Amino acid sequence: MSASFTGQTTVKRAWDDHADLDRKPFPAYALNHAVTYKESQDFIAVSQQAAQALDHYVTPGAVIGDARDDLTEFIRNKQFTPNTMLAMRTLVNDVGTETSIYKELKNVPNDRVRNFRNDLYLLSEFCG
C-alpha cells in the first residue's frame, strides 16, 4: 500500500468515524449558523487526531512552501511527492487550530470565511 493511499485512508477514516452517516466528513462549506458548538468542538478534536495520524506518513526532511499550493498540485495531477503528506498535515492542523481560536465555525470572521472554505474544500478533495 502506498503512503498516499494509506494516509488518505487514515484521514478519511478519522473524519468519517466522527461524522454522522448522512453528512460529509467536513463541516458545511457555507460556515453558516447551522453548525453547532458541539459539532465545532468535535471538528477541532478530530482535526487534532487526524494531524497526529498524518505525522506517521510525513516523509522525514519534507519541506513545503505553501500547503495550499502543494495540495492543489496533487489534486490537479495526482502525483504524490514527499511534500504532499506534510502539506495535508499542515492544512489539517491549521484549520483545526483556527477553529479552536474562534471556538465555533460561525465565529470565523467574514474576511477569513473564503480562505477557510477553500481549505475545507482542498482537504475534502484530497480525501476524496
N, C-alpha and C. Protein backbone atom coordinates (compact mmCIF):
# COMPACT_ATOMS: atom_id res chain seq x y z
N MET A 1 0.85 -1.17 0.00
CA MET A 1 0.00 0.00 0.00
C MET A 1 0.90 1.23 0.00
N SER A 2 0.66 2.17 -0.88
CA SER A 2 1.49 3.36 -0.96
C SER A 2 1.19 4.30 0.20
N ALA A 3 2.16 5.18 0.49
CA ALA A 3 1.98 6.13 1.59
C ALA A 3 0.80 7.04 1.35
N SER A 4 0.59 7.45 0.10
CA SER A 4 -0.51 8.38 -0.16
C SER A 4 -1.85 7.71 0.09
N PHE A 5 -2.01 6.47 -0.35
CA PHE A 5 -3.27 5.79 -0.14
C PHE A 5 -3.51 5.55 1.34
N THR A 6 -2.48 5.09 2.04
CA THR A 6 -2.62 4.82 3.45
C THR A 6 -2.96 6.10 4.21
N GLY A 7 -2.26 7.19 3.92
CA GLY A 7 -2.52 8.45 4.59
C GLY A 7 -3.90 8.99 4.30
N GLN A 8 -4.31 8.91 3.03
CA GLN A 8 -5.65 9.39 2.67
C GLN A 8 -6.70 8.56 3.38
N THR A 9 -6.51 7.25 3.42
CA THR A 9 -7.47 6.38 4.07
C THR A 9 -7.54 6.67 5.56
N THR A 10 -6.41 6.90 6.19
CA THR A 10 -6.37 7.18 7.63
C THR A 10 -7.12 8.45 7.95
N VAL A 11 -6.87 9.52 7.19
CA VAL A 11 -7.54 10.79 7.44
C VAL A 11 -9.02 10.66 7.18
N LYS A 12 -9.39 10.05 6.07
CA LYS A 12 -10.80 9.90 5.74
C LYS A 12 -11.50 9.09 6.83
N ARG A 13 -10.87 8.02 7.28
CA ARG A 13 -11.48 7.20 8.32
C ARG A 13 -11.63 8.00 9.61
N ALA A 14 -10.64 8.81 9.96
CA ALA A 14 -10.72 9.61 11.19
C ALA A 14 -11.91 10.55 11.13
N TRP A 15 -12.11 11.22 9.98
CA TRP A 15 -13.24 12.13 9.88
C TRP A 15 -14.55 11.36 9.78
N ASP A 16 -14.57 10.29 8.99
CA ASP A 16 -15.80 9.52 8.84
C ASP A 16 -16.26 8.91 10.15
N ASP A 17 -15.32 8.48 10.98
CA ASP A 17 -15.67 7.88 12.26
C ASP A 17 -16.37 8.88 13.17
N HIS A 18 -16.16 10.16 12.93
CA HIS A 18 -16.74 11.19 13.79
C HIS A 18 -17.84 11.97 13.09
N ALA A 19 -18.25 11.52 11.93
CA ALA A 19 -19.29 12.24 11.19
C ALA A 19 -20.58 11.43 11.22
N ASP A 20 -21.69 12.14 11.23
CA ASP A 20 -22.97 11.45 11.12
C ASP A 20 -23.04 10.80 9.75
N LEU A 21 -23.75 9.70 9.63
CA LEU A 21 -23.79 8.97 8.38
C LEU A 21 -24.39 9.75 7.22
N ASP A 22 -25.25 10.71 7.52
CA ASP A 22 -25.91 11.45 6.45
C ASP A 22 -25.22 12.77 6.12
N ARG A 23 -24.00 12.98 6.65
CA ARG A 23 -23.28 14.22 6.38
C ARG A 23 -21.91 13.92 5.81
N LYS A 24 -21.34 14.90 5.10
CA LYS A 24 -19.97 14.78 4.65
C LYS A 24 -19.06 14.84 5.88
N PRO A 25 -17.82 14.35 5.78
CA PRO A 25 -16.95 14.36 6.93
C PRO A 25 -16.48 15.75 7.33
N PHE A 26 -16.66 16.75 6.51
CA PHE A 26 -16.24 18.11 6.82
C PHE A 26 -17.46 18.96 7.08
N PRO A 27 -17.34 19.99 7.92
CA PRO A 27 -18.48 20.89 8.16
C PRO A 27 -18.91 21.57 6.87
N ALA A 28 -20.09 22.10 6.89
CA ALA A 28 -20.63 22.77 5.70
C ALA A 28 -19.70 23.88 5.25
N TYR A 29 -19.45 23.93 3.95
CA TYR A 29 -18.58 24.97 3.41
C TYR A 29 -19.18 26.35 3.62
N ALA A 30 -20.48 26.43 3.77
CA ALA A 30 -21.13 27.72 3.92
C ALA A 30 -20.75 28.39 5.24
N LEU A 31 -20.28 27.63 6.21
CA LEU A 31 -19.93 28.15 7.52
C LEU A 31 -21.07 28.97 8.10
N ASN A 32 -22.25 28.45 7.96
CA ASN A 32 -23.42 29.17 8.47
C ASN A 32 -23.67 28.81 9.93
N HIS A 33 -24.74 29.30 10.47
CA HIS A 33 -25.04 29.09 11.89
C HIS A 33 -25.60 27.71 12.17
N ALA A 34 -25.76 26.87 11.17
CA ALA A 34 -26.32 25.54 11.37
C ALA A 34 -25.32 24.59 12.05
N VAL A 35 -24.03 24.89 12.00
CA VAL A 35 -23.03 24.05 12.64
C VAL A 35 -23.00 24.43 14.12
N THR A 36 -23.30 23.47 14.96
CA THR A 36 -23.43 23.74 16.39
C THR A 36 -22.07 23.86 17.08
N TYR A 37 -22.11 24.34 18.31
CA TYR A 37 -20.90 24.43 19.13
C TYR A 37 -20.29 23.04 19.29
N LYS A 38 -21.12 22.05 19.63
CA LYS A 38 -20.61 20.69 19.82
C LYS A 38 -19.97 20.15 18.54
N GLU A 39 -20.61 20.37 17.38
CA GLU A 39 -20.03 19.92 16.12
C GLU A 39 -18.70 20.62 15.85
N SER A 40 -18.62 21.89 16.18
CA SER A 40 -17.37 22.63 16.02
C SER A 40 -16.28 22.04 16.92
N GLN A 41 -16.63 21.74 18.17
CA GLN A 41 -15.67 21.15 19.09
C GLN A 41 -15.25 19.75 18.64
N ASP A 42 -16.19 18.97 18.12
CA ASP A 42 -15.86 17.65 17.56
C ASP A 42 -14.89 17.80 16.40
N PHE A 43 -15.14 18.78 15.55
CA PHE A 43 -14.27 19.03 14.40
C PHE A 43 -12.85 19.37 14.85
N ILE A 44 -12.72 20.18 15.89
CA ILE A 44 -11.40 20.53 16.42
C ILE A 44 -10.68 19.28 16.92
N ALA A 45 -11.39 18.45 17.68
CA ALA A 45 -10.79 17.23 18.22
C ALA A 45 -10.37 16.27 17.11
N VAL A 46 -11.22 16.10 16.13
CA VAL A 46 -10.91 15.19 15.02
C VAL A 46 -9.76 15.73 14.18
N SER A 47 -9.70 17.04 14.03
CA SER A 47 -8.60 17.65 13.29
C SER A 47 -7.27 17.36 13.99
N GLN A 48 -7.26 17.46 15.30
CA GLN A 48 -6.05 17.16 16.06
C GLN A 48 -5.66 15.69 15.92
N GLN A 49 -6.65 14.81 15.98
CA GLN A 49 -6.38 13.38 15.82
C GLN A 49 -5.86 13.07 14.42
N ALA A 50 -6.46 13.69 13.42
CA ALA A 50 -6.04 13.46 12.04
C ALA A 50 -4.61 13.96 11.82
N ALA A 51 -4.28 15.13 12.35
CA ALA A 51 -2.93 15.67 12.21
C ALA A 51 -1.92 14.73 12.85
N GLN A 52 -2.26 14.19 14.01
CA GLN A 52 -1.37 13.22 14.68
C GLN A 52 -1.21 11.95 13.85
N ALA A 53 -2.30 11.47 13.25
CA ALA A 53 -2.23 10.28 12.41
C ALA A 53 -1.36 10.54 11.18
N LEU A 54 -1.49 11.73 10.61
CA LEU A 54 -0.71 12.07 9.42
C LEU A 54 0.78 12.18 9.72
N ASP A 55 1.13 12.49 10.95
CA ASP A 55 2.55 12.56 11.33
C ASP A 55 3.28 11.28 10.96
N HIS A 56 2.60 10.16 11.05
CA HIS A 56 3.22 8.85 10.76
C HIS A 56 3.56 8.69 9.28
N TYR A 57 2.98 9.51 8.41
CA TYR A 57 3.16 9.36 6.97
C TYR A 57 3.95 10.49 6.34
N VAL A 58 4.38 11.46 7.16
CA VAL A 58 5.18 12.56 6.64
C VAL A 58 6.60 12.06 6.43
N THR A 59 7.11 12.29 5.23
CA THR A 59 8.47 11.90 4.89
C THR A 59 9.47 12.78 5.65
N PRO A 60 10.41 12.16 6.36
CA PRO A 60 11.42 12.97 7.05
C PRO A 60 12.14 13.86 6.03
N GLY A 61 12.34 15.08 6.39
CA GLY A 61 13.02 16.02 5.51
C GLY A 61 12.11 16.70 4.50
N ALA A 62 10.81 16.36 4.51
CA ALA A 62 9.87 17.02 3.59
C ALA A 62 9.76 18.49 3.96
N VAL A 63 9.67 19.33 2.94
CA VAL A 63 9.59 20.77 3.15
C VAL A 63 8.52 21.31 2.22
N ILE A 64 7.70 22.21 2.74
CA ILE A 64 6.69 22.84 1.89
C ILE A 64 6.83 24.34 1.97
N GLY A 65 6.45 24.99 0.90
CA GLY A 65 6.40 26.45 0.89
C GLY A 65 5.02 26.90 1.29
N ASP A 66 4.02 26.37 0.60
CA ASP A 66 2.62 26.72 0.86
C ASP A 66 1.79 25.45 0.77
N ALA A 67 1.18 25.07 1.87
CA ALA A 67 0.42 23.82 1.93
C ALA A 67 -0.70 23.81 0.89
N ARG A 68 -1.36 24.93 0.70
CA ARG A 68 -2.47 25.00 -0.27
C ARG A 68 -1.98 24.74 -1.68
N ASP A 69 -0.84 25.34 -2.02
CA ASP A 69 -0.28 25.13 -3.37
C ASP A 69 0.09 23.67 -3.59
N ASP A 70 0.72 23.04 -2.59
CA ASP A 70 1.12 21.65 -2.74
C ASP A 70 -0.09 20.72 -2.87
N LEU A 71 -1.14 20.95 -2.07
CA LEU A 71 -2.34 20.11 -2.17
C LEU A 71 -3.07 20.35 -3.49
N THR A 72 -3.13 21.60 -3.92
CA THR A 72 -3.77 21.90 -5.20
C THR A 72 -3.04 21.18 -6.34
N GLU A 73 -1.73 21.18 -6.29
CA GLU A 73 -0.94 20.50 -7.31
C GLU A 73 -1.21 18.99 -7.29
N PHE A 74 -1.29 18.41 -6.10
CA PHE A 74 -1.60 16.98 -6.00
C PHE A 74 -2.98 16.67 -6.58
N ILE A 75 -3.95 17.48 -6.23
CA ILE A 75 -5.32 17.26 -6.72
C ILE A 75 -5.35 17.38 -8.24
N ARG A 76 -4.59 18.32 -8.77
CA ARG A 76 -4.56 18.56 -10.21
C ARG A 76 -3.92 17.40 -10.97
N ASN A 77 -2.75 16.92 -10.50
CA ASN A 77 -2.02 15.93 -11.30
C ASN A 77 -1.92 14.54 -10.68
N LYS A 78 -2.42 14.38 -9.45
CA LYS A 78 -2.44 13.08 -8.75
C LYS A 78 -1.04 12.48 -8.58
N GLN A 79 -0.02 13.33 -8.55
CA GLN A 79 1.33 12.86 -8.33
C GLN A 79 1.74 13.15 -6.89
N PHE A 80 1.88 12.07 -6.13
CA PHE A 80 2.25 12.19 -4.72
C PHE A 80 3.74 12.47 -4.62
N THR A 81 4.11 13.49 -3.87
CA THR A 81 5.52 13.82 -3.64
C THR A 81 5.77 13.73 -2.13
N PRO A 82 7.03 13.74 -1.71
CA PRO A 82 7.31 13.72 -0.28
C PRO A 82 6.65 14.87 0.48
N ASN A 83 6.38 15.97 -0.21
CA ASN A 83 5.80 17.14 0.44
C ASN A 83 4.28 17.05 0.57
N THR A 84 3.64 16.15 -0.16
CA THR A 84 2.18 16.10 -0.19
C THR A 84 1.59 15.83 1.19
N MET A 85 2.10 14.83 1.88
CA MET A 85 1.54 14.48 3.18
C MET A 85 1.83 15.57 4.21
N LEU A 86 3.00 16.21 4.13
CA LEU A 86 3.30 17.31 5.03
C LEU A 86 2.33 18.46 4.79
N ALA A 87 2.02 18.72 3.53
CA ALA A 87 1.06 19.78 3.20
C ALA A 87 -0.31 19.44 3.77
N MET A 88 -0.73 18.19 3.63
CA MET A 88 -2.03 17.77 4.17
C MET A 88 -2.05 17.94 5.68
N ARG A 89 -1.02 17.46 6.35
CA ARG A 89 -0.97 17.56 7.81
C ARG A 89 -0.98 19.02 8.25
N THR A 90 -0.23 19.86 7.54
CA THR A 90 -0.16 21.28 7.88
C THR A 90 -1.52 21.95 7.75
N LEU A 91 -2.22 21.67 6.65
CA LEU A 91 -3.52 22.29 6.43
C LEU A 91 -4.57 21.78 7.43
N VAL A 92 -4.55 20.49 7.72
CA VAL A 92 -5.46 19.94 8.73
C VAL A 92 -5.21 20.62 10.07
N ASN A 93 -3.95 20.74 10.43
CA ASN A 93 -3.60 21.38 11.70
C ASN A 93 -4.02 22.86 11.70
N ASP A 94 -3.78 23.55 10.60
CA ASP A 94 -4.14 24.98 10.52
C ASP A 94 -5.65 25.20 10.66
N VAL A 95 -6.43 24.37 9.98
CA VAL A 95 -7.89 24.52 10.04
C VAL A 95 -8.39 24.21 11.45
N GLY A 96 -7.87 23.16 12.06
CA GLY A 96 -8.27 22.83 13.42
C GLY A 96 -7.87 23.90 14.42
N THR A 97 -6.67 24.42 14.27
CA THR A 97 -6.19 25.48 15.16
C THR A 97 -7.03 26.74 14.99
N GLU A 98 -7.30 27.11 13.74
CA GLU A 98 -8.10 28.31 13.50
C GLU A 98 -9.51 28.15 14.08
N THR A 99 -10.08 26.96 13.93
CA THR A 99 -11.41 26.72 14.50
C THR A 99 -11.35 26.86 16.02
N SER A 100 -10.30 26.34 16.64
CA SER A 100 -10.20 26.43 18.10
C SER A 100 -10.05 27.88 18.56
N ILE A 101 -9.43 28.71 17.76
CA ILE A 101 -9.30 30.14 18.11
C ILE A 101 -10.68 30.79 18.17
N TYR A 102 -11.54 30.46 17.21
CA TYR A 102 -12.86 31.09 17.13
C TYR A 102 -13.93 30.32 17.91
N LYS A 103 -13.60 29.14 18.41
CA LYS A 103 -14.49 28.30 19.22
C LYS A 103 -15.63 27.65 18.45
N GLU A 104 -16.18 28.35 17.47
CA GLU A 104 -17.27 27.82 16.64
C GLU A 104 -17.05 28.29 15.21
N LEU A 105 -17.48 27.46 14.25
CA LEU A 105 -17.33 27.84 12.85
C LEU A 105 -18.08 29.12 12.52
N LYS A 106 -19.21 29.34 13.18
CA LYS A 106 -19.98 30.55 12.88
C LYS A 106 -19.26 31.82 13.32
N ASN A 107 -18.23 31.69 14.16
CA ASN A 107 -17.48 32.85 14.63
C ASN A 107 -16.29 33.22 13.74
N VAL A 108 -16.05 32.43 12.70
CA VAL A 108 -14.96 32.77 11.78
C VAL A 108 -15.30 34.11 11.14
N PRO A 109 -14.40 35.10 11.23
CA PRO A 109 -14.70 36.42 10.68
C PRO A 109 -14.95 36.37 9.17
N ASN A 110 -15.79 37.26 8.70
CA ASN A 110 -16.15 37.28 7.27
C ASN A 110 -14.93 37.36 6.36
N ASP A 111 -13.89 38.08 6.77
CA ASP A 111 -12.71 38.20 5.92
C ASP A 111 -11.88 36.91 5.88
N ARG A 112 -12.17 35.93 6.74
CA ARG A 112 -11.48 34.64 6.75
C ARG A 112 -12.34 33.51 6.16
N VAL A 113 -13.62 33.75 6.00
CA VAL A 113 -14.53 32.67 5.58
C VAL A 113 -14.11 32.08 4.23
N ARG A 114 -13.77 32.92 3.26
CA ARG A 114 -13.40 32.40 1.94
C ARG A 114 -12.19 31.47 2.03
N ASN A 115 -11.13 31.88 2.73
CA ASN A 115 -9.95 31.03 2.87
C ASN A 115 -10.28 29.75 3.63
N PHE A 116 -11.08 29.87 4.66
CA PHE A 116 -11.47 28.72 5.46
C PHE A 116 -12.24 27.72 4.61
N ARG A 117 -13.19 28.23 3.84
CA ARG A 117 -13.98 27.39 2.95
C ARG A 117 -13.09 26.69 1.92
N ASN A 118 -12.16 27.44 1.35
CA ASN A 118 -11.24 26.87 0.36
C ASN A 118 -10.37 25.78 0.98
N ASP A 119 -9.91 26.00 2.20
CA ASP A 119 -9.10 24.99 2.88
C ASP A 119 -9.90 23.71 3.11
N LEU A 120 -11.14 23.84 3.53
CA LEU A 120 -12.00 22.67 3.73
C LEU A 120 -12.22 21.94 2.41
N TYR A 121 -12.39 22.69 1.34
CA TYR A 121 -12.57 22.08 0.03
C TYR A 121 -11.32 21.28 -0.37
N LEU A 122 -10.15 21.87 -0.21
CA LEU A 122 -8.91 21.17 -0.56
C LEU A 122 -8.78 19.87 0.25
N LEU A 123 -9.07 19.95 1.53
CA LEU A 123 -8.97 18.75 2.37
C LEU A 123 -9.95 17.68 1.93
N SER A 124 -11.17 18.08 1.60
CA SER A 124 -12.16 17.08 1.18
C SER A 124 -11.79 16.49 -0.18
N GLU A 125 -11.24 17.27 -1.07
CA GLU A 125 -10.81 16.76 -2.38
C GLU A 125 -9.65 15.79 -2.23
N PHE A 126 -8.74 16.08 -1.32
CA PHE A 126 -7.60 15.20 -1.08
C PHE A 126 -8.09 13.85 -0.57
N CYS A 127 -9.04 13.89 0.36
CA CYS A 127 -9.56 12.65 0.94
C CYS A 127 -10.49 11.90 -0.01
N GLY A 128 -11.02 12.67 -0.98
CA GLY A 128 -11.95 12.20 -2.00
C GLY A 128 -12.45 10.87 -1.85
